[in-house]
Amino acid sequence: SMYCTETDCRHDDACSRTCPVPRRVGDVPIVPGEVGTGRYALARTVPPAIRGKRGVIVYGHGVFCAGESFPETFDSLASIERSCLSRYRELVGG
C-alpha cells in the first residue's frame, strides 16, 4: 500500500507515517495508523479518512470498512481487497 517510486525522499525512514503524498487504491485512501494516542494513532487517522467512503486501507493494519449492514460492509471489504490484488498484479506484471 505504500508503493513509491521516490528514491531520494526525506521521509524514507518513516514513510508509512509521515509521507505527505496522498495515496489511494482506486477511490480508497491509504492512511497511516499506529496503536496509541499519538498524532498518527488509528483514532486520529481513520475517522476523517473513512467519512463518506466505503473504507480505508491503514498501512500496516489492513482494510477498515463501514456500512449500514454487515453484508454491505463485507461487500466493501471484498471489493477493496480485489482492487488491491488487481493493483498488485499490475505492479508486478502478473
Protein backbone atom coordinates (compact mmCIF):
# COMPACT_ATOMS: atom_id res chain seq x y z
CA SER A 1 0.00 0.00 0.00
CA MET A 2 2.99 2.30 0.28
CA TYR A 3 4.43 1.56 -3.15
CA CYS A 4 6.58 4.54 -4.01
CA THR A 5 8.95 5.34 -6.84
CA GLU A 6 10.81 8.08 -4.95
CA THR A 7 14.45 7.12 -4.41
CA ASP A 8 15.68 10.18 -2.51
CA CYS A 9 12.95 11.07 -0.03
CA ARG A 10 13.39 12.82 3.31
CA HIS A 11 10.54 10.71 4.72
CA ASP A 12 12.25 7.42 3.86
CA ASP A 13 12.71 6.23 7.46
CA ALA A 14 9.10 6.94 8.40
CA CYS A 15 7.35 6.82 5.05
CA SER A 16 4.39 4.84 6.35
CA ARG A 17 3.65 7.59 8.88
CA THR A 18 4.83 10.91 7.52
CA CYS A 19 4.70 10.77 3.73
CA PRO A 20 2.85 13.89 2.53
CA VAL A 21 1.77 12.27 -0.76
CA PRO A 22 -1.90 11.19 -0.67
CA ARG A 23 -2.16 7.52 -1.66
CA ARG A 24 -5.14 5.56 -2.89
CA VAL A 25 -6.15 2.27 -4.39
CA GLY A 26 -8.96 3.29 -6.69
CA ASP A 27 -11.23 5.51 -4.59
CA VAL A 28 -9.96 4.12 -1.27
CA PRO A 29 -7.49 6.25 0.71
CA ILE A 30 -4.40 4.76 2.33
CA VAL A 31 -3.60 6.29 5.71
CA PRO A 32 -1.07 5.73 8.50
CA GLY A 33 -2.21 4.20 11.74
CA GLU A 34 -0.44 3.39 14.96
CA VAL A 35 -1.67 1.95 18.21
CA GLY A 36 -1.95 4.55 20.95
CA THR A 37 -3.00 8.17 21.06
CA GLY A 38 -0.25 9.97 19.15
CA ARG A 39 -0.51 12.07 16.01
CA TYR A 40 -0.71 9.01 13.75
CA ALA A 41 -2.95 6.91 16.00
CA LEU A 42 -5.75 4.91 14.37
CA ALA A 43 -8.28 7.00 16.30
CA ARG A 44 -6.92 10.14 14.62
CA THR A 45 -6.26 8.94 11.07
CA VAL A 46 -9.14 6.57 10.28
CA PRO A 47 -12.29 8.60 11.16
CA PRO A 48 -11.60 11.58 8.87
CA ALA A 49 -10.38 9.30 6.07
CA ILE A 50 -13.37 6.93 6.15
CA ARG A 51 -16.06 9.61 6.47
CA GLY A 52 -18.30 9.34 3.42
CA LYS A 53 -16.33 6.45 1.94
CA ARG A 54 -16.79 2.70 1.86
CA GLY A 55 -13.47 2.07 3.58
CA VAL A 56 -9.82 2.93 4.09
CA ILE A 57 -6.58 0.99 3.97
CA VAL A 58 -4.44 1.51 7.05
CA TYR A 59 -0.77 0.97 6.33
CA GLY A 60 0.48 -1.98 8.36
CA HIS A 61 -3.00 -2.97 9.53
CA GLY A 62 -5.26 -3.62 6.55
CA VAL A 63 -8.70 -2.62 5.38
CA PHE A 64 -11.22 -0.86 7.62
CA CYS A 65 -14.80 -0.59 6.35
CA ALA A 66 -18.10 0.88 7.46
CA GLY A 67 -21.63 0.37 6.20
CA GLU A 68 -25.29 0.23 7.07
CA SER A 69 -25.29 -3.57 7.38
CA PHE A 70 -22.87 -6.45 7.69
CA PRO A 71 -23.46 -7.64 4.09
CA GLU A 72 -22.85 -4.12 2.73
CA THR A 73 -19.70 -3.73 4.82
CA PHE A 74 -18.39 -7.17 3.88
CA ASP A 75 -19.03 -6.47 0.19
CA SER A 76 -16.97 -3.29 0.53
CA LEU A 77 -14.17 -5.21 2.22
CA ALA A 78 -14.13 -7.88 -0.50
CA SER A 79 -14.24 -5.26 -3.26
CA ILE A 80 -11.34 -3.30 -1.77
CA GLU A 81 -9.30 -6.48 -1.35
CA ARG A 82 -9.93 -7.36 -5.02
CA SER A 83 -8.84 -3.85 -6.05
CA CYS A 84 -5.64 -4.26 -4.05
CA LEU A 85 -4.92 -7.62 -5.65
CA SER A 86 -5.53 -6.16 -9.10
CA ARG A 87 -3.21 -3.22 -8.38
CA TYR A 88 -0.54 -5.59 -7.04
CA ARG A 89 -0.73 -7.67 -10.21
CA GLU A 90 -0.33 -4.51 -12.31
CA LEU A 91 2.79 -3.58 -10.37
CA VAL A 92 4.45 -6.99 -10.61
CA GLY A 93 3.32 -7.65 -14.15
CA GLY A 94 1.18 -10.67 -13.37
